[in-house]
N, C-alpha and C. Protein backbone atom coordinates (compact mmCIF):
# COMPACT_ATOMS: atom_id res chain seq x y z
N MET A 1 0.82 -1.18 0.00
CA MET A 1 0.00 0.00 0.00
C MET A 1 0.87 1.25 0.00
N LYS A 2 1.98 1.17 0.77
CA LYS A 2 2.88 2.30 0.80
C LYS A 2 3.45 2.55 -0.59
N LYS A 3 3.78 1.46 -1.27
CA LYS A 3 4.34 1.61 -2.61
C LYS A 3 3.32 2.20 -3.56
N LEU A 4 2.06 1.80 -3.43
CA LEU A 4 1.00 2.34 -4.29
C LEU A 4 0.80 3.82 -4.03
N LEU A 5 0.74 4.21 -2.75
CA LEU A 5 0.57 5.62 -2.38
C LEU A 5 1.77 6.44 -2.86
N PHE A 6 2.97 5.90 -2.68
CA PHE A 6 4.17 6.59 -3.13
C PHE A 6 4.16 6.74 -4.66
N GLY A 7 3.73 5.69 -5.36
CA GLY A 7 3.62 5.74 -6.82
C GLY A 7 2.61 6.77 -7.29
N LEU A 8 1.47 6.87 -6.58
CA LEU A 8 0.46 7.88 -6.94
C LEU A 8 0.98 9.29 -6.71
N MET A 9 1.75 9.48 -5.65
CA MET A 9 2.32 10.81 -5.37
C MET A 9 3.30 11.21 -6.49
N ILE A 10 4.12 10.27 -6.91
CA ILE A 10 5.07 10.56 -8.00
C ILE A 10 4.31 10.87 -9.28
N LEU A 11 3.30 10.07 -9.58
CA LEU A 11 2.49 10.29 -10.77
C LEU A 11 1.79 11.65 -10.71
N GLY A 12 1.26 12.02 -9.54
CA GLY A 12 0.61 13.33 -9.36
C GLY A 12 1.58 14.47 -9.57
N SER A 13 2.80 14.33 -9.04
CA SER A 13 3.76 15.42 -9.22
C SER A 13 4.21 15.53 -10.67
N ILE A 14 4.29 14.42 -11.37
CA ILE A 14 4.63 14.48 -12.79
C ILE A 14 3.50 15.17 -13.56
N SER A 15 2.26 14.89 -13.21
CA SER A 15 1.11 15.53 -13.86
C SER A 15 1.14 17.03 -13.64
N VAL A 16 1.40 17.45 -12.40
CA VAL A 16 1.46 18.88 -12.09
C VAL A 16 2.61 19.51 -12.86
N PHE A 17 3.74 18.85 -12.91
CA PHE A 17 4.89 19.36 -13.65
C PHE A 17 4.55 19.52 -15.12
N ALA A 18 3.88 18.57 -15.71
CA ALA A 18 3.51 18.62 -17.12
C ALA A 18 2.52 19.75 -17.38
N GLN A 19 1.58 19.96 -16.47
CA GLN A 19 0.62 21.05 -16.64
C GLN A 19 1.33 22.41 -16.59
N GLY A 20 2.32 22.53 -15.74
CA GLY A 20 3.08 23.78 -15.65
C GLY A 20 3.80 24.10 -16.96
N GLU A 21 4.25 23.11 -17.67
CA GLU A 21 4.94 23.32 -18.94
C GLU A 21 4.01 23.79 -20.05
N THR A 22 2.74 23.43 -20.00
CA THR A 22 1.84 23.79 -21.09
C THR A 22 1.27 25.20 -20.94
N THR A 23 1.47 25.85 -19.81
CA THR A 23 1.00 27.23 -19.67
C THR A 23 1.98 28.15 -20.38
N ASP A 24 1.54 29.39 -20.67
CA ASP A 24 2.37 30.35 -21.38
C ASP A 24 2.97 31.38 -20.43
N ILE A 25 3.28 30.96 -19.24
CA ILE A 25 3.88 31.88 -18.27
C ILE A 25 5.24 32.31 -18.80
N GLY A 26 5.47 33.59 -18.82
CA GLY A 26 6.74 34.12 -19.30
C GLY A 26 6.85 34.26 -20.81
N LYS A 27 5.80 33.94 -21.52
CA LYS A 27 5.83 34.07 -22.98
C LYS A 27 5.69 35.55 -23.35
N LYS A 28 6.52 36.02 -24.26
CA LYS A 28 6.47 37.42 -24.71
C LYS A 28 6.39 37.44 -26.23
N ASP A 29 5.49 38.22 -26.75
CA ASP A 29 5.35 38.38 -28.19
C ASP A 29 5.76 39.79 -28.58
N GLY A 30 6.33 39.94 -29.73
CA GLY A 30 6.66 41.25 -30.27
C GLY A 30 6.09 41.37 -31.67
N ILE A 31 5.72 42.56 -32.04
CA ILE A 31 5.17 42.81 -33.36
C ILE A 31 6.26 43.45 -34.22
N VAL A 32 6.47 42.91 -35.38
CA VAL A 32 7.40 43.49 -36.35
C VAL A 32 6.57 44.06 -37.48
N LYS A 33 6.68 45.36 -37.68
CA LYS A 33 5.94 46.01 -38.76
C LYS A 33 6.77 45.94 -40.04
N MET A 34 6.08 45.86 -41.14
CA MET A 34 6.76 45.81 -42.43
C MET A 34 6.22 46.91 -43.34
N LYS A 35 7.06 47.35 -44.26
CA LYS A 35 6.68 48.42 -45.16
C LYS A 35 7.47 48.23 -46.45
N ALA A 36 6.86 48.58 -47.58
CA ALA A 36 7.55 48.51 -48.86
C ALA A 36 6.87 49.46 -49.83
N TYR A 37 7.50 49.72 -50.93
CA TYR A 37 6.85 50.49 -51.98
C TYR A 37 7.35 50.00 -53.32
N SER A 38 6.57 50.30 -54.30
CA SER A 38 6.94 49.97 -55.67
C SER A 38 6.78 51.24 -56.48
N PRO A 39 7.88 51.81 -56.96
CA PRO A 39 7.77 53.08 -57.67
C PRO A 39 6.97 52.94 -58.95
N GLY A 40 6.17 53.95 -59.21
CA GLY A 40 5.35 53.94 -60.41
C GLY A 40 6.03 54.68 -61.54
N ALA A 41 5.26 54.96 -62.55
CA ALA A 41 5.77 55.66 -63.73
C ALA A 41 5.42 57.15 -63.62
N LEU A 42 5.90 57.79 -62.56
CA LEU A 42 5.61 59.20 -62.31
C LEU A 42 6.27 60.06 -63.38
N ASN A 43 5.49 61.02 -63.90
CA ASN A 43 5.98 61.89 -64.95
C ASN A 43 5.61 63.33 -64.62
N LEU A 44 6.53 64.25 -64.84
CA LEU A 44 6.30 65.68 -64.63
C LEU A 44 6.56 66.40 -65.94
N LYS A 45 5.54 67.15 -66.40
CA LYS A 45 5.68 67.93 -67.63
C LYS A 45 5.47 69.40 -67.29
N ILE A 46 6.34 70.24 -67.80
CA ILE A 46 6.17 71.68 -67.66
C ILE A 46 5.75 72.18 -69.04
N LYS A 47 4.50 72.69 -69.11
CA LYS A 47 3.89 73.03 -70.41
C LYS A 47 4.71 74.08 -71.17
N ASN A 48 5.01 75.19 -70.54
CA ASN A 48 5.82 76.23 -71.15
C ASN A 48 6.88 76.56 -70.11
N ASN A 49 8.09 76.09 -70.32
CA ASN A 49 9.08 76.20 -69.25
C ASN A 49 9.84 77.52 -69.25
N LEU A 50 9.25 78.58 -69.77
CA LEU A 50 9.90 79.88 -69.77
C LEU A 50 9.02 80.91 -69.07
N ILE A 51 9.57 81.54 -68.06
CA ILE A 51 8.92 82.70 -67.45
C ILE A 51 9.69 83.92 -67.94
N ASP A 52 8.98 84.81 -68.60
CA ASP A 52 9.60 86.01 -69.16
C ASP A 52 9.13 87.22 -68.35
N PHE A 53 10.04 87.78 -67.56
CA PHE A 53 9.69 88.96 -66.77
C PHE A 53 9.70 90.23 -67.62
N GLY A 54 10.20 90.14 -68.83
CA GLY A 54 10.20 91.30 -69.71
C GLY A 54 11.23 92.34 -69.29
N ASN A 55 10.88 93.60 -69.52
CA ASN A 55 11.75 94.73 -69.23
C ASN A 55 11.81 94.95 -67.72
N LEU A 56 12.97 94.74 -67.12
CA LEU A 56 13.10 94.90 -65.66
C LEU A 56 12.90 96.36 -65.23
N ARG A 57 13.18 97.30 -66.10
CA ARG A 57 13.03 98.73 -65.75
C ARG A 57 11.58 99.10 -65.46
N ILE A 58 10.64 98.35 -66.06
CA ILE A 58 9.22 98.66 -65.83
C ILE A 58 8.49 97.53 -65.08
N TYR A 59 9.27 96.61 -64.50
CA TYR A 59 8.65 95.51 -63.75
C TYR A 59 7.86 96.09 -62.58
N ASN A 60 6.60 95.65 -62.44
CA ASN A 60 5.73 96.23 -61.40
C ASN A 60 5.39 95.26 -60.26
N GLY A 61 6.09 94.13 -60.16
CA GLY A 61 5.88 93.23 -59.03
C GLY A 61 4.86 92.14 -59.23
N GLN A 62 4.40 91.94 -60.45
CA GLN A 62 3.37 90.92 -60.68
C GLN A 62 3.97 89.51 -60.67
N ASN A 63 3.11 88.53 -60.33
CA ASN A 63 3.46 87.11 -60.39
C ASN A 63 3.48 86.66 -61.84
N HIS A 64 4.35 85.73 -62.13
CA HIS A 64 4.36 85.03 -63.41
C HIS A 64 4.24 83.55 -63.08
N SER A 65 3.66 82.78 -63.99
CA SER A 65 3.49 81.35 -63.68
C SER A 65 3.66 80.48 -64.92
N VAL A 66 3.91 79.21 -64.66
CA VAL A 66 3.91 78.17 -65.69
C VAL A 66 3.01 77.05 -65.22
N LYS A 67 2.38 76.39 -66.18
CA LYS A 67 1.49 75.27 -65.86
C LYS A 67 2.27 73.96 -65.95
N CYS A 68 2.06 73.09 -64.96
CA CYS A 68 2.73 71.79 -64.92
C CYS A 68 1.68 70.69 -64.79
N THR A 69 2.04 69.50 -65.24
CA THR A 69 1.16 68.34 -65.13
C THR A 69 1.97 67.17 -64.58
N ILE A 70 1.38 66.48 -63.60
CA ILE A 70 1.97 65.22 -63.14
C ILE A 70 1.03 64.10 -63.54
N SER A 71 1.61 62.95 -63.85
CA SER A 71 0.79 61.80 -64.24
C SER A 71 1.52 60.52 -63.86
N ASP A 72 0.76 59.43 -63.83
CA ASP A 72 1.33 58.11 -63.58
C ASP A 72 0.51 57.08 -64.32
N SER A 73 1.06 56.55 -65.39
CA SER A 73 0.33 55.58 -66.21
C SER A 73 0.27 54.20 -65.56
N SER A 74 1.02 53.98 -64.50
CA SER A 74 1.03 52.65 -63.87
C SER A 74 -0.07 52.49 -62.82
N LEU A 75 -0.78 53.57 -62.48
CA LEU A 75 -1.87 53.45 -61.50
C LEU A 75 -3.02 52.65 -62.09
N LEU A 76 -3.54 51.74 -61.31
CA LEU A 76 -4.69 50.96 -61.75
C LEU A 76 -5.96 51.77 -61.54
N ASP A 77 -7.03 51.44 -62.26
CA ASP A 77 -8.30 52.14 -62.07
C ASP A 77 -8.72 52.05 -60.62
N GLY A 78 -9.14 53.17 -60.07
CA GLY A 78 -9.58 53.22 -58.69
C GLY A 78 -8.45 53.44 -57.69
N GLN A 79 -7.21 53.39 -58.14
CA GLN A 79 -6.08 53.64 -57.24
C GLN A 79 -5.82 55.13 -57.14
N ASN A 80 -5.42 55.57 -55.96
CA ASN A 80 -5.03 56.96 -55.74
C ASN A 80 -3.57 56.99 -55.31
N ALA A 81 -2.92 58.10 -55.53
CA ALA A 81 -1.54 58.27 -55.09
C ALA A 81 -1.32 59.71 -54.67
N THR A 82 -0.52 59.90 -53.64
CA THR A 82 -0.15 61.24 -53.19
C THR A 82 1.23 61.57 -53.73
N VAL A 83 1.32 62.67 -54.44
CA VAL A 83 2.59 63.12 -55.01
C VAL A 83 2.98 64.42 -54.32
N HIS A 84 4.22 64.49 -53.88
CA HIS A 84 4.72 65.69 -53.21
C HIS A 84 5.47 66.53 -54.25
N ILE A 85 5.14 67.82 -54.31
CA ILE A 85 5.75 68.75 -55.25
C ILE A 85 6.57 69.76 -54.46
N GLN A 86 7.78 70.07 -54.93
CA GLN A 86 8.64 71.06 -54.28
C GLN A 86 9.28 71.97 -55.32
N THR A 87 9.54 73.21 -54.91
CA THR A 87 10.37 74.11 -55.70
C THR A 87 11.56 74.51 -54.85
N THR A 88 12.55 75.12 -55.48
CA THR A 88 13.75 75.51 -54.74
C THR A 88 13.52 76.70 -53.83
N GLY A 89 12.44 77.45 -54.06
CA GLY A 89 12.11 78.57 -53.18
C GLY A 89 12.71 79.89 -53.62
N GLU A 90 14.00 79.90 -53.92
CA GLU A 90 14.65 81.14 -54.33
C GLU A 90 15.62 80.84 -55.46
N SER A 91 15.68 81.73 -56.40
CA SER A 91 16.61 81.59 -57.52
C SER A 91 17.08 82.97 -57.92
N LYS A 92 17.94 83.02 -58.92
CA LYS A 92 18.50 84.30 -59.37
C LYS A 92 18.36 84.45 -60.87
N LEU A 93 18.03 85.66 -61.28
CA LEU A 93 18.18 86.08 -62.68
C LEU A 93 19.55 86.75 -62.74
N LYS A 94 20.50 86.15 -63.44
CA LYS A 94 21.87 86.66 -63.46
C LYS A 94 22.14 87.41 -64.76
N LEU A 95 22.87 88.49 -64.63
CA LEU A 95 23.29 89.28 -65.78
C LEU A 95 24.36 88.50 -66.54
N GLU A 96 24.10 88.23 -67.82
CA GLU A 96 25.09 87.52 -68.64
C GLU A 96 26.34 88.38 -68.78
N GLY A 97 27.49 87.79 -68.51
CA GLY A 97 28.75 88.50 -68.64
C GLY A 97 29.04 89.45 -67.48
N GLY A 98 28.26 89.39 -66.43
CA GLY A 98 28.49 90.26 -65.27
C GLY A 98 28.19 89.53 -63.98
N ASN A 99 28.30 90.26 -62.87
CA ASN A 99 28.00 89.61 -61.59
C ASN A 99 26.73 90.14 -60.95
N SER A 100 25.98 90.94 -61.62
CA SER A 100 24.72 91.43 -61.06
C SER A 100 23.65 90.35 -61.16
N TYR A 101 22.71 90.41 -60.26
CA TYR A 101 21.58 89.47 -60.30
C TYR A 101 20.39 90.09 -59.59
N VAL A 102 19.24 89.50 -59.86
CA VAL A 102 17.99 89.88 -59.21
C VAL A 102 17.42 88.61 -58.58
N LEU A 103 17.05 88.68 -57.30
CA LEU A 103 16.50 87.51 -56.62
C LEU A 103 15.05 87.27 -57.03
N VAL A 104 14.73 86.01 -57.27
CA VAL A 104 13.38 85.61 -57.66
C VAL A 104 12.86 84.59 -56.66
N GLN A 105 11.66 84.81 -56.17
CA GLN A 105 11.00 83.84 -55.27
C GLN A 105 10.12 82.95 -56.14
N ASN A 106 10.26 81.61 -56.00
CA ASN A 106 9.38 80.70 -56.73
C ASN A 106 8.61 79.86 -55.72
N TYR A 107 7.35 79.61 -56.01
CA TYR A 107 6.47 78.96 -55.04
C TYR A 107 5.30 78.29 -55.73
N LEU A 108 4.51 77.55 -54.95
CA LEU A 108 3.38 76.79 -55.48
C LEU A 108 2.03 77.38 -55.10
N GLU A 109 1.97 78.14 -54.03
CA GLU A 109 0.72 78.73 -53.57
C GLU A 109 0.87 80.24 -53.48
N PRO A 110 0.18 80.99 -54.34
CA PRO A 110 0.33 82.45 -54.32
C PRO A 110 -0.16 83.09 -53.03
N SER A 111 -1.10 82.45 -52.35
CA SER A 111 -1.67 83.05 -51.14
C SER A 111 -0.70 83.02 -49.96
N ASN A 112 0.16 81.99 -49.87
CA ASN A 112 1.04 81.90 -48.70
C ASN A 112 2.52 81.71 -49.04
N GLY A 113 2.87 81.68 -50.30
CA GLY A 113 4.27 81.55 -50.69
C GLY A 113 4.88 80.18 -50.41
N SER A 114 4.06 79.16 -50.27
CA SER A 114 4.55 77.81 -49.96
C SER A 114 5.37 77.24 -51.12
N THR A 115 6.47 76.58 -50.77
CA THR A 115 7.33 75.99 -51.79
C THR A 115 7.14 74.48 -51.93
N ASP A 116 6.18 73.92 -51.20
CA ASP A 116 5.88 72.50 -51.37
C ASP A 116 4.42 72.23 -51.06
N LYS A 117 3.88 71.17 -51.67
CA LYS A 117 2.51 70.77 -51.42
C LYS A 117 2.28 69.36 -51.93
N ASN A 118 1.22 68.74 -51.44
CA ASN A 118 0.83 67.41 -51.89
C ASN A 118 -0.30 67.53 -52.89
N ILE A 119 -0.26 66.69 -53.91
CA ILE A 119 -1.32 66.64 -54.92
C ILE A 119 -1.76 65.19 -55.03
N GLU A 120 -3.07 64.99 -55.04
CA GLU A 120 -3.63 63.64 -55.17
C GLU A 120 -3.87 63.31 -56.63
N LEU A 121 -3.36 62.17 -57.06
CA LEU A 121 -3.70 61.63 -58.38
C LEU A 121 -4.86 60.68 -58.17
N LYS A 122 -5.98 60.99 -58.78
CA LYS A 122 -7.19 60.17 -58.62
C LYS A 122 -7.79 59.88 -59.98
N GLY A 123 -8.27 58.68 -60.16
CA GLY A 123 -9.04 58.33 -61.35
C GLY A 123 -8.37 58.64 -62.67
N SER A 124 -8.26 59.91 -63.02
CA SER A 124 -7.72 60.28 -64.34
C SER A 124 -6.22 60.05 -64.43
N LYS A 125 -5.58 59.84 -63.31
CA LYS A 125 -4.14 59.59 -63.25
C LYS A 125 -3.32 60.79 -63.70
N GLU A 126 -3.92 61.97 -63.66
CA GLU A 126 -3.23 63.18 -64.09
C GLU A 126 -3.75 64.36 -63.28
N ALA A 127 -2.86 65.28 -62.94
CA ALA A 127 -3.28 66.48 -62.21
C ALA A 127 -2.42 67.66 -62.66
N ASP A 128 -3.05 68.82 -62.77
CA ASP A 128 -2.37 70.06 -63.16
C ASP A 128 -2.13 70.93 -61.94
N PHE A 129 -1.06 71.71 -61.99
CA PHE A 129 -0.78 72.70 -60.96
C PHE A 129 0.07 73.80 -61.59
N ASN A 130 0.12 74.94 -60.93
CA ASN A 130 0.93 76.06 -61.41
C ASN A 130 2.11 76.29 -60.49
N VAL A 131 3.20 76.77 -61.08
CA VAL A 131 4.36 77.21 -60.32
C VAL A 131 4.49 78.70 -60.60
N TYR A 132 4.66 79.48 -59.54
CA TYR A 132 4.68 80.94 -59.65
C TYR A 132 6.08 81.48 -59.35
N ALA A 133 6.38 82.64 -59.93
CA ALA A 133 7.65 83.32 -59.66
C ALA A 133 7.38 84.81 -59.57
N ILE A 134 8.09 85.45 -58.66
CA ILE A 134 7.99 86.89 -58.50
C ILE A 134 9.37 87.43 -58.11
N ILE A 135 9.73 88.56 -58.68
CA ILE A 135 11.00 89.19 -58.29
C ILE A 135 10.78 89.79 -56.91
N GLN A 136 11.68 89.46 -55.99
CA GLN A 136 11.49 89.84 -54.59
C GLN A 136 11.54 91.34 -54.34
N ASN A 137 12.41 92.04 -55.04
CA ASN A 137 12.58 93.46 -54.79
C ASN A 137 12.35 94.22 -56.10
N LYS A 138 11.17 94.81 -56.21
CA LYS A 138 10.79 95.52 -57.43
C LYS A 138 11.76 96.67 -57.72
N GLU A 139 12.17 97.38 -56.70
CA GLU A 139 13.08 98.52 -56.88
C GLU A 139 14.44 98.05 -57.42
N ALA A 140 14.94 96.93 -56.90
CA ALA A 140 16.22 96.38 -57.40
C ALA A 140 16.08 95.98 -58.86
N ALA A 141 14.94 95.42 -59.23
CA ALA A 141 14.72 95.04 -60.63
C ALA A 141 14.70 96.28 -61.52
N ASN A 142 13.99 97.33 -61.07
CA ASN A 142 13.88 98.56 -61.86
C ASN A 142 15.23 99.27 -62.03
N ASN A 143 16.16 99.05 -61.11
CA ASN A 143 17.48 99.69 -61.16
C ASN A 143 18.59 98.73 -61.58
N ALA A 144 18.25 97.57 -62.10
CA ALA A 144 19.25 96.58 -62.50
C ALA A 144 20.08 97.11 -63.67
N PRO A 145 21.39 96.80 -63.68
CA PRO A 145 22.23 97.22 -64.81
C PRO A 145 21.70 96.67 -66.13
N ALA A 146 21.93 97.40 -67.19
CA ALA A 146 21.45 96.99 -68.52
C ALA A 146 22.11 95.69 -68.95
N GLY A 147 21.34 94.88 -69.65
CA GLY A 147 21.87 93.62 -70.18
C GLY A 147 20.81 92.53 -70.18
N GLN A 148 21.22 91.36 -70.60
CA GLN A 148 20.34 90.19 -70.68
C GLN A 148 20.49 89.37 -69.39
N TYR A 149 19.36 89.01 -68.78
CA TYR A 149 19.37 88.23 -67.54
C TYR A 149 18.76 86.85 -67.79
N LYS A 150 19.38 85.83 -67.22
CA LYS A 150 18.86 84.47 -67.34
C LYS A 150 18.98 83.75 -66.01
N GLY A 151 18.10 82.79 -65.82
CA GLY A 151 18.14 81.97 -64.61
C GLY A 151 17.20 80.80 -64.74
N SER A 152 17.18 79.97 -63.73
CA SER A 152 16.28 78.82 -63.72
C SER A 152 16.08 78.35 -62.29
N PHE A 153 15.09 77.51 -62.10
CA PHE A 153 14.88 76.85 -60.81
C PHE A 153 14.25 75.50 -61.06
N GLU A 154 14.33 74.63 -60.07
CA GLU A 154 13.83 73.27 -60.21
C GLU A 154 12.46 73.09 -59.59
N VAL A 155 11.68 72.24 -60.22
CA VAL A 155 10.42 71.75 -59.67
C VAL A 155 10.59 70.24 -59.58
N THR A 156 10.34 69.68 -58.41
CA THR A 156 10.54 68.25 -58.18
C THR A 156 9.23 67.60 -57.77
N ALA A 157 8.95 66.43 -58.34
CA ALA A 157 7.76 65.65 -57.97
C ALA A 157 8.24 64.27 -57.52
N PHE A 158 7.71 63.81 -56.38
CA PHE A 158 8.05 62.47 -55.92
C PHE A 158 6.91 61.93 -55.07
N TYR A 159 6.86 60.62 -54.96
CA TYR A 159 5.81 60.01 -54.14
C TYR A 159 6.07 60.30 -52.68
N ASP A 160 5.03 60.70 -51.98
CA ASP A 160 5.11 60.99 -50.56
C ASP A 160 4.97 59.68 -49.80
N ILE A 161 6.07 58.95 -49.70
CA ILE A 161 6.06 57.60 -49.10
C ILE A 161 6.53 57.69 -47.66
C-alpha cells in the first residue's frame, strides 16, 4: 500500500509538472511592422518652361506662372496616389557677362508663398498645378544694370512615401 501511495504521489507530481509546462507563463510576443513600396511611372511635364519677366526697368511686381502636369500611367483604375511637389524657393536672374543678379522667389501657392505641397492623383491619373515666380525686390529690378538676364529653378515631384 505504501508503494501504491508513493507511486500515486510521484504520478501526481509528474502531472502537475507537465501542466506547468503547457501554460504560457513568461511568454512574450513582439510585433514586427513591415513596409515597402513599388515606384510607379511618375511623370512631370512643364507646359511652357519659360517665365519672361520682360523689361526689368518697368517691372511692377506681378506674379508670373507656368502650368505643370503630373501623371502616372502605372496606377490601376480606382487607385489613388499622393505626389509631393517642391520648388527651390529662391533663384537668381543673373546678368550675362556680369556679376549682377535679381532675386526671384518661386512657389506653389500664391496666397502663402509655400514651396511645397501634396497633390492627389485620382481616377484620371493626371493632375495640373501652377508654379509661380515673383521678383522679390521691385526697386532692385527697376534699377538693374542693362543687359540680358537668365536663370532657372527646379520643380521636383516624388511620391510621398
